Protein backbone atom coordinates (compact mmCIF):
# COMPACT_ATOMS: atom_id res chain seq x y z
CA UNK A 1 -12.77 2.08 -1.96
CA UNK A 2 -11.29 3.37 1.34
CA UNK A 3 -10.30 1.12 4.49
CA UNK A 4 -8.00 -1.15 5.76
CA UNK A 5 -6.26 -3.22 2.82
CA UNK A 6 -4.81 -5.52 5.58
CA UNK A 7 -8.15 -6.84 6.76
CA UNK A 8 -9.97 -6.42 3.38
CA UNK A 9 -12.78 -8.86 3.07
CA UNK A 10 -13.08 -8.16 -1.05
CA UNK A 11 -13.08 -11.71 -2.95
CA UNK A 12 -9.85 -12.38 -4.52
CA UNK A 13 -9.26 -10.71 -8.11
CA UNK A 14 -11.98 -8.11 -7.28
CA UNK A 15 -10.14 -4.93 -8.43
CA UNK A 16 -8.19 -4.21 -11.81
CA UNK A 17 -5.70 -1.74 -9.71
CA UNK A 18 -4.49 -1.38 -6.19
CA UNK A 19 -2.99 2.02 -5.50
CA UNK A 20 -0.60 2.75 -2.26
CA UNK A 21 0.14 6.53 -2.17
CA UNK A 22 2.29 7.72 0.48
CA UNK A 23 1.15 5.07 3.17
CA UNK A 24 3.62 2.20 3.30
CA UNK A 25 5.89 4.41 5.24
CA UNK A 26 3.17 4.60 8.07
CA UNK A 27 3.10 0.79 8.57
CA UNK A 28 5.20 -1.61 10.64
CA UNK A 29 4.94 -4.28 8.48
CA UNK A 30 4.65 -3.52 4.54
CA UNK A 31 4.35 -7.28 3.79
CA UNK A 32 0.68 -7.70 5.15
CA UNK A 33 -0.35 -4.78 2.98
CA UNK A 34 1.22 -6.00 -0.18
CA UNK A 35 0.09 -9.58 0.33
CA UNK A 36 -3.46 -8.41 0.61
CA UNK A 37 -3.37 -6.22 -2.25
CA UNK A 38 -2.09 -8.76 -4.46
CA UNK A 39 -4.83 -11.21 -3.56
CA UNK A 40 -7.63 -8.45 -4.18
CA UNK A 41 -6.08 -7.01 -7.44
CA UNK A 42 -6.31 -8.67 -10.71
CA UNK A 43 -3.86 -6.56 -12.76
CA UNK A 44 -1.59 -3.96 -10.88
CA UNK A 45 -0.49 -3.26 -7.54
CA UNK A 46 0.97 0.66 -7.81
CA UNK A 47 3.09 2.10 -5.37
CA UNK A 48 4.25 5.78 -4.74
CA UNK A 49 6.00 6.26 -1.42
CA UNK A 50 8.87 8.29 0.13
CA UNK A 51 11.87 7.17 1.79
CA UNK A 52 13.35 9.36 4.83
CA UNK A 53 17.58 8.84 4.64
CA UNK A 54 18.64 12.11 6.20
CA UNK A 55 17.03 15.16 8.16
CA UNK A 56 16.13 17.10 5.11
CA UNK A 57 14.43 14.37 3.69
CA UNK A 58 12.39 13.92 7.14
CA UNK A 59 11.45 17.53 6.99
CA UNK A 60 9.77 17.24 3.41
CA UNK A 61 7.45 14.04 4.60
């Protein structure tokens, strides 16, 4: 399923897994997304993201 998890209308516990791959650093409020993911996910919320701490990191994002 693709879409906006912050406005996801799926029922609670609809999915076994929710995956965030390189998206959390694009949002201003991560907690909105994580709360929505927790609501619709039965088992796991997986997060894969990057952190930019210096100029070299920023160039590789």
